[in-house]
């Protein structure tokens, strides 16, 4: 992994995209840009990531809408979220060995101890954006289906996919307790690796726990998960 683009590396990325991603790129430039992290300088993949995120959400929304014809909107949203969340995309990227083909700046991966889950998820979205620009929506849709088909088939009941904040709220309301309070304890806005620590408090039980994440929402979810575990352990 590195910022260099010699002929052998370009050919290896092209072959990898064809064999693992399932798409034969017409534009090598698009593929290279999709795999280029901003730390490498020059054109990078953030605009493609923005586009790929929208393509992914649309394709998955259409897929779960067709598959679960009687499901209400809330359940459809939970199915979609389970398939497009960062953790799922990072897992898929790891299965594809995507990290081996990333183009990053000197020392970037050393400083992180390897490609972070966020970097992997963002790069996978950028690749989907590149497929869309390279060959259109049908090609991007086929690519998404190949990557997510197994996980779509294995989705659990929608009720089990409720996020931690929703489950915590329902648990408290079911026992006549006030809703939890969330507050940001620390915030590090590094351009490449933002981190948030959020405290969750349930005053009536005199409990306080914290959660950490790369976004405020993620940190809140982690704190809610830990709070629910603390409450149910009681």
Protein backbone atom coordinates (compact mmCIF):
# COMPACT_ATOMS: atom_id res chain seq x y z
CA UNK A 1 0.00 0.00 0.00
CA UNK A 2 1.36 3.40 -0.87
CA UNK A 3 1.05 6.49 -3.03
CA UNK A 4 3.02 5.08 -5.97
CA UNK A 5 1.25 4.15 -9.17
CA UNK A 6 3.65 2.02 -11.17
CA UNK A 7 2.38 -0.17 -13.99
CA UNK A 8 2.42 -3.42 -12.01
CA UNK A 9 0.38 -1.89 -9.17
CA UNK A 10 -2.16 -0.41 -11.59
CA UNK A 11 -2.54 -3.78 -13.31
CA UNK A 12 -2.92 -5.53 -9.96
CA UNK A 13 -5.69 -3.13 -8.90
CA UNK A 14 -7.44 -3.58 -12.24
CA UNK A 15 -7.36 -7.37 -11.89
CA UNK A 16 -8.46 -7.17 -8.25
CA UNK A 17 -11.47 -5.00 -9.16
CA UNK A 18 -12.49 -7.45 -11.87
CA UNK A 19 -12.08 -10.57 -9.74
CA UNK A 20 -13.11 -9.42 -6.27
CA UNK A 21 -15.34 -6.41 -6.81
CA UNK A 22 -16.87 -7.97 -9.92
CA UNK A 23 -16.49 -4.98 -12.23
CA UNK A 24 -14.28 -4.49 -15.28
CA UNK A 25 -13.38 -0.79 -15.23
CA UNK A 26 -13.25 1.06 -18.52
CA UNK A 27 -11.58 4.01 -16.80
CA UNK A 28 -8.42 3.16 -14.93
CA UNK A 29 -8.30 6.73 -13.66
CA UNK A 30 -11.62 6.27 -11.84
CA UNK A 31 -10.42 3.10 -10.17
CA UNK A 32 -7.17 4.74 -9.06
CA UNK A 33 -9.00 7.76 -7.67
CA UNK A 34 -11.50 5.57 -5.80
CA UNK A 35 -8.61 3.85 -4.01
CA UNK A 36 -6.69 7.07 -3.23
CA UNK A 37 -6.91 8.37 0.33
CA UNK A 38 -6.63 12.12 0.84
CA UNK A 39 -3.31 11.65 2.66
CA UNK A 40 -1.72 10.70 -0.69
CA UNK A 41 -2.27 14.23 -2.03
CA UNK A 42 -3.73 15.24 -5.37
CA UNK A 43 -7.09 13.86 -6.45
CA UNK A 44 -8.56 11.58 -3.80
CA UNK A 45 -11.72 9.57 -3.26
CA UNK A 46 -13.90 11.77 -1.05
CA UNK A 47 -16.16 13.03 -3.85
CA UNK A 48 -16.58 9.47 -5.12
CA UNK A 49 -17.36 8.39 -1.56
CA UNK A 50 -20.16 10.96 -1.42
CA UNK A 51 -21.61 9.63 -4.66
CA UNK A 52 -21.17 5.98 -3.74
CA UNK A 53 -22.94 6.47 -0.42
CA UNK A 54 -26.03 7.73 -2.27
CA UNK A 55 -25.90 4.92 -4.84
CA UNK A 56 -25.53 2.31 -2.11
CA UNK A 57 -28.44 3.67 -0.06
CA UNK A 58 -30.72 3.85 -3.09
CA UNK A 59 -29.93 0.33 -4.32
CA UNK A 60 -30.29 -1.24 -0.87
CA UNK A 61 -33.50 0.68 -0.16
CA UNK A 62 -35.01 -0.58 -3.44
CA UNK A 63 -33.85 -4.11 -2.67
CA UNK A 64 -35.35 -4.33 0.83
CA UNK A 65 -38.53 -2.60 -0.40
CA UNK A 66 -39.00 -5.34 -2.99
CA UNK A 67 -38.01 -8.19 -0.67
CA UNK A 68 -40.10 -7.21 2.37
CA UNK A 69 -43.37 -6.23 0.72
CA UNK A 70 -45.43 -6.08 3.91
CA UNK A 71 -42.83 -4.44 6.15
CA UNK A 72 -43.56 -0.96 7.54
CA UNK A 73 -41.24 1.96 6.85
CA UNK A 74 -39.49 1.66 10.20
CA UNK A 75 -38.53 -1.96 9.58
CA UNK A 76 -37.31 -1.15 6.06
CA UNK A 77 -35.08 1.56 7.52
CA UNK A 78 -33.61 -0.90 10.02
CA UNK A 79 -32.91 -3.45 7.28
CA UNK A 80 -31.23 -0.81 5.14
CA UNK A 81 -29.15 0.54 8.02
CA UNK A 82 -27.93 -2.95 8.93
CA UNK A 83 -26.66 -3.42 5.38
CA UNK A 84 -25.09 0.00 4.72
CA UNK A 85 -23.63 0.91 8.13
CA UNK A 86 -19.91 1.45 8.40
CA UNK A 87 -19.24 -1.76 10.30
CA UNK A 88 -20.85 -3.86 7.56
CA UNK A 89 -18.96 -2.05 4.80
CA UNK A 90 -15.65 -2.41 6.65
CA UNK A 91 -16.26 -6.15 7.02
CA UNK A 92 -16.96 -6.48 3.29
CA UNK A 93 -13.85 -4.44 2.48
CA UNK A 94 -11.77 -6.77 4.65
CA UNK A 95 -13.24 -9.81 2.88
CA UNK A 96 -12.26 -8.22 -0.45
CA UNK A 97 -8.71 -7.49 0.82
CA UNK A 98 -9.32 -3.88 -0.21
CA UNK A 99 -6.63 -2.53 2.14
CA UNK A 100 -3.92 -4.16 0.02
CA UNK A 101 -4.80 -1.83 -2.87
CA UNK A 102 -5.28 1.49 -1.07
CA UNK A 103 -3.13 4.42 -2.14
CA UNK A 104 -2.15 6.42 0.94
CA UNK A 105 0.42 8.96 1.99
CA UNK A 106 3.77 8.06 3.58
CA UNK A 107 3.36 6.95 7.18
CA UNK A 108 -0.45 7.14 7.14
CA UNK A 109 -1.04 3.46 7.83
CA UNK A 110 1.94 3.22 10.19
CA UNK A 111 0.48 5.99 12.34
CA UNK A 112 -2.88 4.19 12.45
CA UNK A 113 -1.58 0.67 12.80
CA UNK A 114 -3.18 -0.24 9.46
CA UNK A 115 -6.25 0.81 7.53
CA UNK A 116 -9.01 1.84 9.94
CA UNK A 117 -12.58 0.52 9.59
CA UNK A 118 -13.68 4.05 8.59
CA UNK A 119 -11.05 4.21 5.85
CA UNK A 120 -12.11 0.82 4.51
CA UNK A 121 -15.82 1.65 4.56
CA UNK A 122 -15.27 5.03 2.91
CA UNK A 123 -13.09 3.49 0.20
CA UNK A 124 -15.70 0.83 -0.57
CA UNK A 125 -18.32 3.56 -1.01
CA UNK A 126 -15.90 5.43 -3.28
CA UNK A 127 -15.49 2.30 -5.40
CA UNK A 128 -19.27 2.04 -5.82
CA UNK A 129 -19.34 5.69 -6.87
CA UNK A 130 -16.60 4.95 -9.39
CA UNK A 131 -18.51 1.95 -10.78
CA UNK A 132 -21.56 4.17 -11.23
CA UNK A 133 -19.58 6.79 -13.17
CA UNK A 134 -17.72 4.14 -15.14
CA UNK A 135 -20.71 2.07 -16.31
CA UNK A 136 -23.98 3.45 -14.96
CA UNK A 137 -26.57 2.53 -12.36
CA UNK A 138 -27.21 -1.01 -13.59
CA UNK A 139 -23.53 -1.92 -13.16
CA UNK A 140 -23.42 -0.31 -9.70
CA UNK A 141 -26.61 -2.15 -8.73
CA UNK A 142 -25.15 -5.49 -9.82
CA UNK A 143 -22.01 -4.77 -7.84
CA UNK A 144 -23.99 -3.93 -4.68
CA UNK A 145 -26.03 -7.10 -5.06
CA UNK A 146 -22.92 -9.23 -5.36
CA UNK A 147 -21.39 -7.66 -2.27
CA UNK A 148 -24.48 -7.71 -0.06
CA UNK A 149 -26.54 -10.67 -1.29
CA UNK A 150 -25.45 -13.04 1.47
CA UNK A 151 -26.06 -10.48 4.20
CA UNK A 152 -29.45 -9.55 2.74
CA UNK A 153 -30.50 -13.21 2.80
CA UNK A 154 -29.34 -13.55 6.41
CA UNK A 155 -31.05 -10.46 7.87
CA UNK A 156 -32.68 -11.19 11.25
CA UNK A 157 -36.07 -9.98 12.43
CA UNK A 158 -36.42 -6.20 12.24
CA UNK A 159 -37.07 -5.93 15.98
CA UNK A 160 -33.58 -7.25 16.70
CA UNK A 161 -32.06 -4.51 14.52
CA UNK A 162 -33.23 -1.58 16.63
CA UNK A 163 -30.28 0.60 17.55
CA UNK A 164 -29.01 0.79 21.10
CA UNK A 165 -30.52 4.23 21.81
CA UNK A 166 -33.98 3.03 20.75
CA UNK A 167 -33.70 -0.16 22.81
CA UNK A 168 -32.52 1.79 25.86
CA UNK A 169 -35.38 4.28 25.49
CA UNK A 170 -37.95 1.48 25.25
CA UNK A 171 -36.45 -0.31 28.26
CA UNK A 172 -36.65 2.83 30.40
CA UNK A 173 -40.13 3.82 29.23
CA UNK A 174 -41.40 0.30 29.91
CA UNK A 175 -40.40 0.77 33.56
CA UNK A 176 -41.68 4.32 33.94
CA UNK A 177 -38.20 5.83 34.06
CA UNK A 178 -37.07 9.12 32.55
CA UNK A 179 -35.16 9.15 29.27
CA UNK A 180 -31.35 9.12 29.42
CA UNK A 181 -29.24 12.23 28.93
CA UNK A 182 -26.26 12.31 26.57
CA UNK A 183 -23.41 14.81 26.69
CA UNK A 184 -20.11 15.08 24.84
CA UNK A 185 -17.23 14.69 27.29
CA UNK A 186 -14.34 15.02 24.84
CA UNK A 187 -14.08 15.72 21.13
CA UNK A 188 -11.04 15.37 18.88
CA UNK A 189 -11.62 16.70 15.38
CA UNK A 190 -8.63 15.23 13.60
CA UNK A 191 -9.19 15.49 9.81
CA UNK A 192 -8.45 11.79 9.31
CA UNK A 193 -9.52 10.25 12.62
CA UNK A 194 -12.13 12.24 14.59
CA UNK A 195 -13.03 10.79 17.99
CA UNK A 196 -15.89 11.55 20.37
CA UNK A 197 -16.48 10.42 23.94
CA UNK A 198 -20.11 10.73 25.05
CA UNK A 199 -21.47 10.20 28.56
CA UNK A 200 -24.92 8.63 29.05
CA UNK A 201 -26.69 9.21 32.38
CA UNK A 202 -29.80 7.61 33.88
CA UNK A 203 -30.41 9.75 36.95
CA UNK A 204 -33.08 7.60 38.60
CA UNK A 205 -30.69 4.65 38.70
CA UNK A 206 -27.66 6.83 39.50
CA UNK A 207 -25.80 5.29 36.58
CA UNK A 208 -23.30 6.91 34.23
CA UNK A 209 -21.36 5.26 31.42
CA UNK A 210 -19.36 6.52 28.46
CA UNK A 211 -18.97 5.46 24.84
CA UNK A 212 -16.44 6.33 22.17
CA UNK A 213 -16.80 6.60 18.40
CA UNK A 214 -15.64 8.38 15.26
CA UNK A 215 -18.88 10.42 15.25
CA UNK A 216 -21.08 11.84 17.98
CA UNK A 217 -23.89 9.51 16.94
CA UNK A 218 -21.61 6.50 17.05
CA UNK A 219 -20.36 7.43 20.51
CA UNK A 220 -23.94 7.91 21.74
CA UNK A 221 -24.89 4.48 20.41
CA UNK A 222 -21.93 2.88 22.15
CA UNK A 223 -22.80 4.65 25.42
CA UNK A 224 -26.43 3.54 25.13
CA UNK A 225 -25.34 -0.04 24.52
CA UNK A 226 -23.15 0.02 27.63
CA UNK A 227 -25.92 1.64 29.68
CA UNK A 228 -28.41 -1.03 28.63
CA UNK A 229 -25.91 -3.72 29.60
CA UNK A 230 -25.38 -2.07 32.99
CA UNK A 231 -29.12 -1.80 33.63
CA UNK A 232 -29.94 -5.36 32.61
CA UNK A 233 -27.00 -6.74 34.61
CA UNK A 234 -28.58 -5.16 37.66
